[in-house]
Amino acid sequence: MVKSGLALQGEPHMALYKNSNWVGYSDHAAFDKVFKPGDQPDHSAIYRCLGCGREVVGEQERKLPPQNHHQHTQVQGSIRWQMAVYADHEPK
């Protein structure tokens, strides 16, 4: 699937980047937390739906998209958001 002309066709990854110096690895437990539609996330970040792979920007002070944001098939299960890329508001 082509997204906004940026992703390669059939690309399975998300959160594309150009400058690898701006992206780092973390195994922090915050990346393991799963949120339901309408939950308020703990961190500003890019969140990925575990059922379908849709991505959204979530802000720490705002709720994640509601249940009716997009629909799933029975195979995809319920909408569940998980942090994929943390947005650092206090860079070192």
PDB file of N, CA and C in Angstrom:
ATOM      1  N   MET A   1       0.842  -1.173   0.000  1.00  0.00           N
ATOM      2  CA  MET A   1       0.000   0.000   0.000  1.00  0.00           C
ATOM      3  C   MET A   1       0.891   1.242   0.000  1.00  0.00           C
ATOM      4  N   VAL A   2       0.538   2.242  -0.772  1.00  0.00           N
ATOM      5  CA  VAL A   2       1.298   3.481  -0.833  1.00  0.00           C
ATOM      6  C   VAL A   2       0.626   4.504   0.073  1.00  0.00           C
ATOM      7  N   LYS A   3       1.392   5.093   0.979  1.00  0.00           N
ATOM      8  CA  LYS A   3       0.879   6.100   1.902  1.00  0.00           C
ATOM      9  C   LYS A   3       1.467   7.450   1.533  1.00  0.00           C
ATOM     10  N   SER A   4       0.628   8.356   1.061  1.00  0.00           N
ATOM     11  CA  SER A   4       1.053   9.716   0.746  1.00  0.00           C
ATOM     12  C   SER A   4       2.268   9.764  -0.166  1.00  0.00           C
ATOM     13  N   GLY A   5       2.509   8.717  -0.949  1.00  0.00           N
ATOM     14  CA  GLY A   5       3.627   8.706  -1.867  1.00  0.00           C
ATOM     15  C   GLY A   5       4.983   8.538  -1.222  1.00  0.00           C
ATOM     16  N   LEU A   6       5.051   8.354   0.102  1.00  0.00           N
ATOM     17  CA  LEU A   6       6.328   8.261   0.793  1.00  0.00           C
ATOM     18  C   LEU A   6       6.792   6.824   1.011  1.00  0.00           C
ATOM     19  N   ALA A   7       5.869   5.934   1.344  1.00  0.00           N
ATOM     20  CA  ALA A   7       6.233   4.546   1.638  1.00  0.00           C
ATOM     21  C   ALA A   7       6.393   3.760   0.345  1.00  0.00           C
ATOM     22  N   LEU A   8       7.245   2.765   0.398  1.00  0.00           N
ATOM     23  CA  LEU A   8       7.407   1.878  -0.745  1.00  0.00           C
ATOM     24  C   LEU A   8       6.219   0.939  -0.822  1.00  0.00           C
ATOM     25  N   GLN A   9       5.831   0.558  -2.010  1.00  0.00           N
ATOM     26  CA  GLN A   9       4.689  -0.334  -2.166  1.00  0.00           C
ATOM     27  C   GLN A   9       4.964  -1.650  -1.450  1.00  0.00           C
ATOM     28  N   GLY A  10       4.011  -2.088  -0.621  1.00  0.00           N
ATOM     29  CA  GLY A  10       4.161  -3.330   0.115  1.00  0.00           C
ATOM     30  C   GLY A  10       5.022  -3.198   1.363  1.00  0.00           C
ATOM     31  N   GLU A  11       5.432  -1.997   1.686  1.00  0.00           N
ATOM     32  CA  GLU A  11       6.310  -1.751   2.843  1.00  0.00           C
ATOM     33  C   GLU A  11       5.596  -2.119   4.145  1.00  0.00           C
ATOM     34  N   PRO A  12       6.139  -3.056   4.934  1.00  0.00           N
ATOM     35  CA  PRO A  12       5.476  -3.478   6.156  1.00  0.00           C
ATOM     36  C   PRO A  12       5.791  -2.608   7.372  1.00  0.00           C
ATOM     37  N   HIS A  13       6.749  -1.717   7.272  1.00  0.00           N
ATOM     38  CA  HIS A  13       7.191  -0.929   8.419  1.00  0.00           C
ATOM     39  C   HIS A  13       6.386   0.352   8.551  1.00  0.00           C
ATOM     40  N   MET A  14       6.501   0.961   9.692  1.00  0.00           N
ATOM     41  CA  MET A  14       5.854   2.241   9.914  1.00  0.00           C
ATOM     42  C   MET A  14       6.886   3.254  10.358  1.00  0.00           C
ATOM     43  N   ALA A  15       6.443   4.475  10.544  1.00  0.00           N
ATOM     44  CA  ALA A  15       7.286   5.548  11.055  1.00  0.00           C
ATOM     45  C   ALA A  15       8.581   5.667  10.264  1.00  0.00           C
ATOM     46  N   LEU A  16       8.452   5.982   9.003  1.00  0.00           N
ATOM     47  CA  LEU A  16       9.620   6.172   8.155  1.00  0.00           C
ATOM     48  C   LEU A  16      10.423   7.368   8.642  1.00  0.00           C
ATOM     49  N   TYR A  17      11.718   7.331   8.421  1.00  0.00           N
ATOM     50  CA  TYR A  17      12.564   8.455   8.782  1.00  0.00           C
ATOM     51  C   TYR A  17      13.661   8.604   7.743  1.00  0.00           C
ATOM     52  N   LYS A  18      14.194   9.804   7.663  1.00  0.00           N
ATOM     53  CA  LYS A  18      15.281  10.060   6.722  1.00  0.00           C
ATOM     54  C   LYS A  18      16.610  10.178   7.455  1.00  0.00           C
ATOM     55  N   ASN A  19      16.610  10.836   8.612  1.00  0.00           N
ATOM     56  CA  ASN A  19      17.845  11.075   9.340  1.00  0.00           C
ATOM     57  C   ASN A  19      17.943  10.119  10.527  1.00  0.00           C
ATOM     58  N   SER A  20      18.744   9.096  10.392  1.00  0.00           N
ATOM     59  CA  SER A  20      18.869   8.086  11.460  1.00  0.00           C
ATOM     60  C   SER A  20      19.513   8.651  12.720  1.00  0.00           C
ATOM     61  N   ASN A  21      20.149   9.806  12.637  1.00  0.00           N
ATOM     62  CA  ASN A  21      20.736  10.429  13.825  1.00  0.00           C
ATOM     63  C   ASN A  21      19.669  10.949  14.774  1.00  0.00           C
ATOM     64  N   TRP A  22      18.443  11.096  14.295  1.00  0.00           N
ATOM     65  CA  TRP A  22      17.357  11.627  15.104  1.00  0.00           C
ATOM     66  C   TRP A  22      16.533  10.535  15.781  1.00  0.00           C
ATOM     67  N   VAL A  23      16.817   9.282  15.488  1.00  0.00           N
ATOM     68  CA  VAL A  23      16.019   8.174  16.009  1.00  0.00           C
ATOM     69  C   VAL A  23      16.918   7.258  16.828  1.00  0.00           C
ATOM     70  N   GLY A  24      16.465   6.894  18.009  1.00  0.00           N
ATOM     71  CA  GLY A  24      17.235   6.004  18.868  1.00  0.00           C
ATOM     72  C   GLY A  24      16.376   4.850  19.349  1.00  0.00           C
ATOM     73  N   TYR A  25      17.021   3.877  19.951  1.00  0.00           N
ATOM     74  CA  TYR A  25      16.332   2.691  20.464  1.00  0.00           C
ATOM     75  C   TYR A  25      16.071   2.839  21.965  1.00  0.00           C
ATOM     76  N   SER A  26      14.940   2.342  22.406  1.00  0.00           N
ATOM     77  CA  SER A  26      14.621   2.287  23.833  1.00  0.00           C
ATOM     78  C   SER A  26      13.810   1.032  24.110  1.00  0.00           C
ATOM     79  N   ASP A  27      14.111   0.386  25.227  1.00  0.00           N
ATOM     80  CA  ASP A  27      13.308  -0.769  25.639  1.00  0.00           C
ATOM     81  C   ASP A  27      12.455  -0.421  26.866  1.00  0.00           C
ATOM     82  N   HIS A  28      12.167   0.857  27.035  1.00  0.00           N
ATOM     83  CA  HIS A  28      11.374   1.335  28.170  1.00  0.00           C
ATOM     84  C   HIS A  28       9.994   0.672  28.162  1.00  0.00           C
ATOM     85  N   ALA A  29       9.482   0.376  29.328  1.00  0.00           N
ATOM     86  CA  ALA A  29       8.186  -0.293  29.468  1.00  0.00           C
ATOM     87  C   ALA A  29       7.026   0.523  28.904  1.00  0.00           C
ATOM     88  N   ALA A  30       7.203   1.830  28.738  1.00  0.00           N
ATOM     89  CA  ALA A  30       6.138   2.674  28.179  1.00  0.00           C
ATOM     90  C   ALA A  30       5.753   2.221  26.773  1.00  0.00           C
ATOM     91  N   PHE A  31       6.681   1.599  26.052  1.00  0.00           N
ATOM     92  CA  PHE A  31       6.395   1.118  24.706  1.00  0.00           C
ATOM     93  C   PHE A  31       5.508  -0.136  24.717  1.00  0.00           C
ATOM     94  N   ASP A  32       5.386  -0.794  25.844  1.00  0.00           N
ATOM     95  CA  ASP A  32       4.596  -2.028  25.953  1.00  0.00           C
ATOM     96  C   ASP A  32       3.129  -1.772  26.314  1.00  0.00           C
ATOM     97  N   LYS A  33       2.827  -0.590  26.812  1.00  0.00           N
ATOM     98  CA  LYS A  33       1.474  -0.279  27.268  1.00  0.00           C
ATOM     99  C   LYS A  33       0.525  -0.171  26.075  1.00  0.00           C
ATOM    100  N   VAL A  34      -0.649  -0.764  26.213  1.00  0.00           N
ATOM    101  CA  VAL A  34      -1.664  -0.756  25.157  1.00  0.00           C
ATOM    102  C   VAL A  34      -2.849   0.083  25.642  1.00  0.00           C
ATOM    103  N   PHE A  35      -3.327   0.961  24.770  1.00  0.00           N
ATOM    104  CA  PHE A  35      -4.420   1.869  25.096  1.00  0.00           C
ATOM    105  C   PHE A  35      -5.655   1.537  24.271  1.00  0.00           C
ATOM    106  N   LYS A  36      -6.821   1.794  24.855  1.00  0.00           N
ATOM    107  CA  LYS A  36      -8.096   1.634  24.169  1.00  0.00           C
ATOM    108  C   LYS A  36      -8.468   2.957  23.496  1.00  0.00           C
ATOM    109  N   PRO A  37      -9.388   2.927  22.534  1.00  0.00           N
ATOM    110  CA  PRO A  37      -9.852   4.166  21.920  1.00  0.00           C
ATOM    111  C   PRO A  37     -10.352   5.138  22.993  1.00  0.00           C
ATOM    112  N   GLY A  38      -9.984   6.401  22.852  1.00  0.00           N
ATOM    113  CA  GLY A  38     -10.426   7.420  23.793  1.00  0.00           C
ATOM    114  C   GLY A  38      -9.595   7.529  25.053  1.00  0.00           C
ATOM    115  N   ASP A  39      -8.646   6.621  25.268  1.00  0.00           N
ATOM    116  CA  ASP A  39      -7.746   6.736  26.421  1.00  0.00           C
ATOM    117  C   ASP A  39      -6.810   7.926  26.232  1.00  0.00           C
ATOM    118  N   GLN A  40      -6.344   8.480  27.341  1.00  0.00           N
ATOM    119  CA  GLN A  40      -5.359   9.556  27.282  1.00  0.00           C
ATOM    120  C   GLN A  40      -3.980   8.930  27.467  1.00  0.00           C
ATOM    121  N   PRO A  41      -3.105   9.067  26.470  1.00  0.00           N
ATOM    122  CA  PRO A  41      -1.792   8.433  26.564  1.00  0.00           C
ATOM    123  C   PRO A  41      -0.886   9.117  27.586  1.00  0.00           C
ATOM    124  N   ASP A  42       0.097   8.390  28.058  1.00  0.00           N
ATOM    125  CA  ASP A  42       1.058   8.904  29.028  1.00  0.00           C
ATOM    126  C   ASP A  42       2.110   9.799  28.377  1.00  0.00           C
ATOM    127  N   HIS A  43       2.320   9.618  27.074  1.00  0.00           N
ATOM    128  CA  HIS A  43       3.378  10.338  26.365  1.00  0.00           C
ATOM    129  C   HIS A  43       2.894  10.783  24.991  1.00  0.00           C
ATOM    130  N   SER A  44       3.440  11.892  24.513  1.00  0.00           N
ATOM    131  CA  SER A  44       3.202  12.299  23.127  1.00  0.00           C
ATOM    132  C   SER A  44       4.053  11.405  22.240  1.00  0.00           C
ATOM    133  N   ALA A  45       3.433  10.877  21.181  1.00  0.00           N
ATOM    134  CA  ALA A  45       4.133   9.882  20.370  1.00  0.00           C
ATOM    135  C   ALA A  45       3.323   9.561  19.122  1.00  0.00           C
ATOM    136  N   ILE A  46       3.908   8.733  18.266  1.00  0.00           N
ATOM    137  CA  ILE A  46       3.166   8.096  17.185  1.00  0.00           C
ATOM    138  C   ILE A  46       2.657   6.783  17.764  1.00  0.00           C
ATOM    139  N   TYR A  47       1.351   6.548  17.637  1.00  0.00           N
ATOM    140  CA  TYR A  47       0.734   5.322  18.127  1.00  0.00           C
ATOM    141  C   TYR A  47       0.269   4.498  16.941  1.00  0.00           C
ATOM    142  N   ARG A  48       0.401   3.198  17.061  1.00  0.00           N
ATOM    143  CA  ARG A  48       0.042   2.273  15.985  1.00  0.00           C
ATOM    144  C   ARG A  48      -1.081   1.362  16.476  1.00  0.00           C
ATOM    145  N   CYS A  49      -2.081   1.169  15.629  1.00  0.00           N
ATOM    146  CA  CYS A  49      -3.174   0.262  15.956  1.00  0.00           C
ATOM    147  C   CYS A  49      -2.663  -1.170  15.795  1.00  0.00           C
ATOM    148  N   LEU A  50      -2.788  -1.967  16.818  1.00  0.00           N
ATOM    149  CA  LEU A  50      -2.291  -3.344  16.789  1.00  0.00           C
ATOM    150  C   LEU A  50      -3.105  -4.249  15.881  1.00  0.00           C
ATOM    151  N   GLY A  51      -4.330  -3.851  15.565  1.00  0.00           N
ATOM    152  CA  GLY A  51      -5.169  -4.678  14.713  1.00  0.00           C
ATOM    153  C   GLY A  51      -4.951  -4.475  13.232  1.00  0.00           C
ATOM    154  N   CYS A  52      -4.762  -3.211  12.827  1.00  0.00           N
ATOM    155  CA  CYS A  52      -4.703  -2.921  11.388  1.00  0.00           C
ATOM    156  C   CYS A  52      -3.441  -2.177  10.948  1.00  0.00           C
ATOM    157  N   GLY A  53      -2.662  -1.661  11.881  1.00  0.00           N
ATOM    158  CA  GLY A  53      -1.432  -0.963  11.527  1.00  0.00           C
ATOM    159  C   GLY A  53      -1.593   0.525  11.275  1.00  0.00           C
ATOM    160  N   ARG A  54      -2.802   1.058  11.387  1.00  0.00           N
ATOM    161  CA  ARG A  54      -3.012   2.505  11.200  1.00  0.00           C
ATOM    162  C   ARG A  54      -2.190   3.258  12.246  1.00  0.00           C
ATOM    163  N   GLU A  55      -1.677   4.410  11.857  1.00  0.00           N
ATOM    164  CA  GLU A  55      -0.855   5.219  12.750  1.00  0.00           C
ATOM    165  C   GLU A  55      -1.512   6.561  13.013  1.00  0.00           C
ATOM    166  N   VAL A  56      -1.379   7.075  14.234  1.00  0.00           N
ATOM    167  CA  VAL A  56      -1.885   8.395  14.592  1.00  0.00           C
ATOM    168  C   VAL A  56      -0.861   9.076  15.492  1.00  0.00           C
ATOM    169  N   VAL A  57      -0.946  10.387  15.532  1.00  0.00           N
ATOM    170  CA  VAL A  57      -0.145  11.152  16.479  1.00  0.00           C
ATOM    171  C   VAL A  57      -1.002  11.332  17.720  1.00  0.00           C
ATOM    172  N   GLY A  58      -0.464  10.933  18.852  1.00  0.00           N
ATOM    173  CA  GLY A  58      -1.162  11.098  20.122  1.00  0.00           C
ATOM    174  C   GLY A  58      -0.410  12.076  20.995  1.00  0.00           C
ATOM    175  N   GLU A  59      -1.144  12.993  21.617  1.00  0.00           N
ATOM    176  CA  GLU A  59      -0.532  13.968  22.500  1.00  0.00           C
ATOM    177  C   GLU A  59      -0.848  13.619  23.946  1.00  0.00           C
ATOM    178  N   GLN A  60       0.111  13.856  24.814  1.00  0.00           N
ATOM    179  CA  GLN A  60       0.001  13.508  26.222  1.00  0.00           C
ATOM    180  C   GLN A  60      -1.247  14.097  26.880  1.00  0.00           C
ATOM    181  N   GLU A  61      -1.642  15.272  26.507  1.00  0.00           N
ATOM    182  CA  GLU A  61      -2.773  15.949  27.145  1.00  0.00           C
ATOM    183  C   GLU A  61      -4.106  15.735  26.423  1.00  0.00           C
ATOM    184  N   ARG A  62      -4.113  14.915  25.355  1.00  0.00           N
ATOM    185  CA  ARG A  62      -5.341  14.707  24.581  1.00  0.00           C
ATOM    186  C   ARG A  62      -5.637  13.222  24.438  1.00  0.00           C
ATOM    187  N   LYS A  63      -6.896  12.908  24.305  1.00  0.00           N
ATOM    188  CA  LYS A  63      -7.308  11.512  24.164  1.00  0.00           C
ATOM    189  C   LYS A  63      -6.956  10.964  22.783  1.00  0.00           C
ATOM    190  N   LEU A  64      -6.689   9.669  22.731  1.00  0.00           N
ATOM    191  CA  LEU A  64      -6.477   8.990  21.457  1.00  0.00           C
ATOM    192  C   LEU A  64      -7.808   8.919  20.709  1.00  0.00           C
ATOM    193  N   PRO A  65      -7.774   8.682  19.398  1.00  0.00           N
ATOM    194  CA  PRO A  65      -9.021   8.667  18.624  1.00  0.00           C
ATOM    195  C   PRO A  65     -10.070   7.718  19.223  1.00  0.00           C
ATOM    196  N   PRO A  66     -11.353   8.090  19.071  1.00  0.00           N
ATOM    197  CA  PRO A  66     -12.436   7.269  19.609  1.00  0.00           C
ATOM    198  C   PRO A  66     -12.659   6.006  18.789  1.00  0.00           C
ATOM    199  N   GLN A  67     -13.528   5.165  19.282  1.00  0.00           N
ATOM    200  CA  GLN A  67     -13.846   3.884  18.646  1.00  0.00           C
ATOM    201  C   GLN A  67     -14.289   4.059  17.194  1.00  0.00           C
ATOM    202  N   ASN A  68     -15.013   5.129  16.889  1.00  0.00           N
ATOM    203  CA  ASN A  68     -15.531   5.319  15.531  1.00  0.00           C
ATOM    204  C   ASN A  68     -14.517   5.986  14.593  1.00  0.00           C
ATOM    205  N   HIS A  69     -13.288   6.146  15.015  1.00  0.00           N
ATOM    206  CA  HIS A  69     -12.232   6.746  14.185  1.00  0.00           C
ATOM    207  C   HIS A  69     -12.013   5.936  12.917  1.00  0.00           C
ATOM    208  N   HIS A  70     -11.964   4.632  13.067  1.00  0.00           N
ATOM    209  CA  HIS A  70     -11.890   3.717  11.920  1.00  0.00           C
ATOM    210  C   HIS A  70     -12.466   2.377  12.345  1.00  0.00           C
ATOM    211  N   GLN A  71     -12.830   1.569  11.371  1.00  0.00           N
ATOM    212  CA  GLN A  71     -13.484   0.296  11.662  1.00  0.00           C
ATOM    213  C   GLN A  71     -12.541  -0.875  11.414  1.00  0.00           C
ATOM    214  N   HIS A  72     -12.787  -1.954  12.130  1.00  0.00           N
ATOM    215  CA  HIS A  72     -12.013  -3.183  11.996  1.00  0.00           C
ATOM    216  C   HIS A  72     -12.906  -4.334  11.547  1.00  0.00           C
ATOM    217  N   THR A  73     -12.287  -5.312  10.929  1.00  0.00           N
ATOM    218  CA  THR A  73     -12.980  -6.563  10.657  1.00  0.00           C
ATOM    219  C   THR A  73     -12.894  -7.410  11.919  1.00  0.00           C
ATOM    220  N   GLN A  74     -13.632  -8.490  11.966  1.00  0.00           N
ATOM    221  CA  GLN A  74     -13.551  -9.398  13.118  1.00  0.00           C
ATOM    222  C   GLN A  74     -12.149  -9.980  13.249  1.00  0.00           C
ATOM    223  N   VAL A  75     -11.495 -10.226  12.138  1.00  0.00           N
ATOM    224  CA  VAL A  75     -10.138 -10.787  12.159  1.00  0.00           C
ATOM    225  C   VAL A  75      -9.158  -9.812  12.808  1.00  0.00           C
ATOM    226  N   GLN A  76      -9.336  -8.522  12.574  1.00  0.00           N
ATOM    227  CA  GLN A  76      -8.440  -7.515  13.142  1.00  0.00           C
ATOM    228  C   GLN A  76      -8.664  -7.315  14.640  1.00  0.00           C
ATOM    229  N   GLY A  77      -9.796  -7.705  15.130  1.00  0.00           N
ATOM    230  CA  GLY A  77     -10.089  -7.556  16.552  1.00  0.00           C
ATOM    231  C   GLY A  77     -10.393  -6.111  16.922  1.00  0.00           C
ATOM    232  N   SER A  78     -10.315  -5.829  18.206  1.00  0.00           N
ATOM    233  CA  SER A  78     -10.641  -4.487  18.685  1.00  0.00           C
ATOM    234  C   SER A  78      -9.507  -3.505  18.369  1.00  0.00           C
ATOM    235  N   ILE A  79      -9.842  -2.226  18.387  1.00  0.00           N
ATOM    236  CA  ILE A  79      -8.846  -1.180  18.172  1.00  0.00           C
ATOM    237  C   ILE A  79      -8.025  -1.057  19.443  1.00  0.00           C
ATOM    238  N   ARG A  80      -6.708  -1.173  19.296  1.00  0.00           N
ATOM    239  CA  ARG A  80      -5.770  -1.074  20.417  1.00  0.00           C
ATOM    240  C   ARG A  80      -4.569  -0.261  19.954  1.00  0.00           C
ATOM    241  N   TRP A  81      -4.227   0.769  20.712  1.00  0.00           N
ATOM    242  CA  TRP A  81      -3.118   1.659  20.348  1.00  0.00           C
ATOM    243  C   TRP A  81      -1.884   1.360  21.197  1.00  0.00           C
ATOM    244  N   GLN A  82      -0.722   1.330  20.547  1.00  0.00           N
ATOM    245  CA  GLN A  82       0.543   1.107  21.253  1.00  0.00           C
ATOM    246  C   GLN A  82       1.566   2.112  20.732  1.00  0.00           C
ATOM    247  N   MET A  83       2.348   2.683  21.654  1.00  0.00           N
ATOM    248  CA  MET A  83       3.347   3.669  21.275  1.00  0.00           C
ATOM    249  C   MET A  83       4.410   3.036  20.391  1.00  0.00           C
ATOM    250  N   ALA A  84       4.676   3.688  19.266  1.00  0.00           N
ATOM    251  CA  ALA A  84       5.688   3.203  18.334  1.00  0.00           C
ATOM    252  C   ALA A  84       6.930   4.089  18.348  1.00  0.00           C
ATOM    253  N   VAL A  85       6.720   5.414  18.363  1.00  0.00           N
ATOM    254  CA  VAL A  85       7.824   6.365  18.352  1.00  0.00           C
ATOM    255  C   VAL A  85       7.523   7.465  19.356  1.00  0.00           C
ATOM    256  N   TYR A  86       8.350   7.587  20.372  1.00  0.00           N
ATOM    257  CA  TYR A  86       8.196   8.604  21.416  1.00  0.00           C
ATOM    258  C   TYR A  86       8.621   9.967  20.887  1.00  0.00           C
ATOM    259  N   ALA A  87       7.873  11.004  21.234  1.00  0.00           N
ATOM    260  CA  ALA A  87       8.215  12.372  20.864  1.00  0.00           C
ATOM    261  C   ALA A  87       8.848  13.053  22.077  1.00  0.00           C
ATOM    262  N   ASP A  88      10.135  13.306  21.996  1.00  0.00           N
ATOM    263  CA  ASP A  88      10.882  13.886  23.121  1.00  0.00           C
ATOM    264  C   ASP A  88      10.716  15.386  23.157  1.00  0.00           C
ATOM    265  N   HIS A  89      10.008  15.891  24.162  1.00  0.00           N
ATOM    266  CA  HIS A  89       9.766  17.329  24.303  1.00  0.00           C
ATOM    267  C   HIS A  89      10.889  18.028  25.057  1.00  0.00           C
ATOM    268  N   GLU A  90      11.821  17.253  25.609  1.00  0.00           N
ATOM    269  CA  GLU A  90      12.935  17.820  26.363  1.00  0.00           C
ATOM    270  C   GLU A  90      14.236  17.197  25.872  1.00  0.00           C
ATOM    271  N   PRO A  91      14.622  17.500  24.615  1.00  0.00           N
ATOM    272  CA  PRO A  91      15.843  16.896  24.084  1.00  0.00           C
ATOM    273  C   PRO A  91      17.072  17.305  24.883  1.00  0.00           C
ATOM    274  N   LYS A  92      18.032  16.407  24.919  1.00  0.00           N
ATOM    275  CA  LYS A  92      19.261  16.643  25.686  1.00  0.00           C
ATOM    276  C   LYS A  92      20.259  17.389  24.856  1.00  0.00           C
TER     277      LYS A  92
END
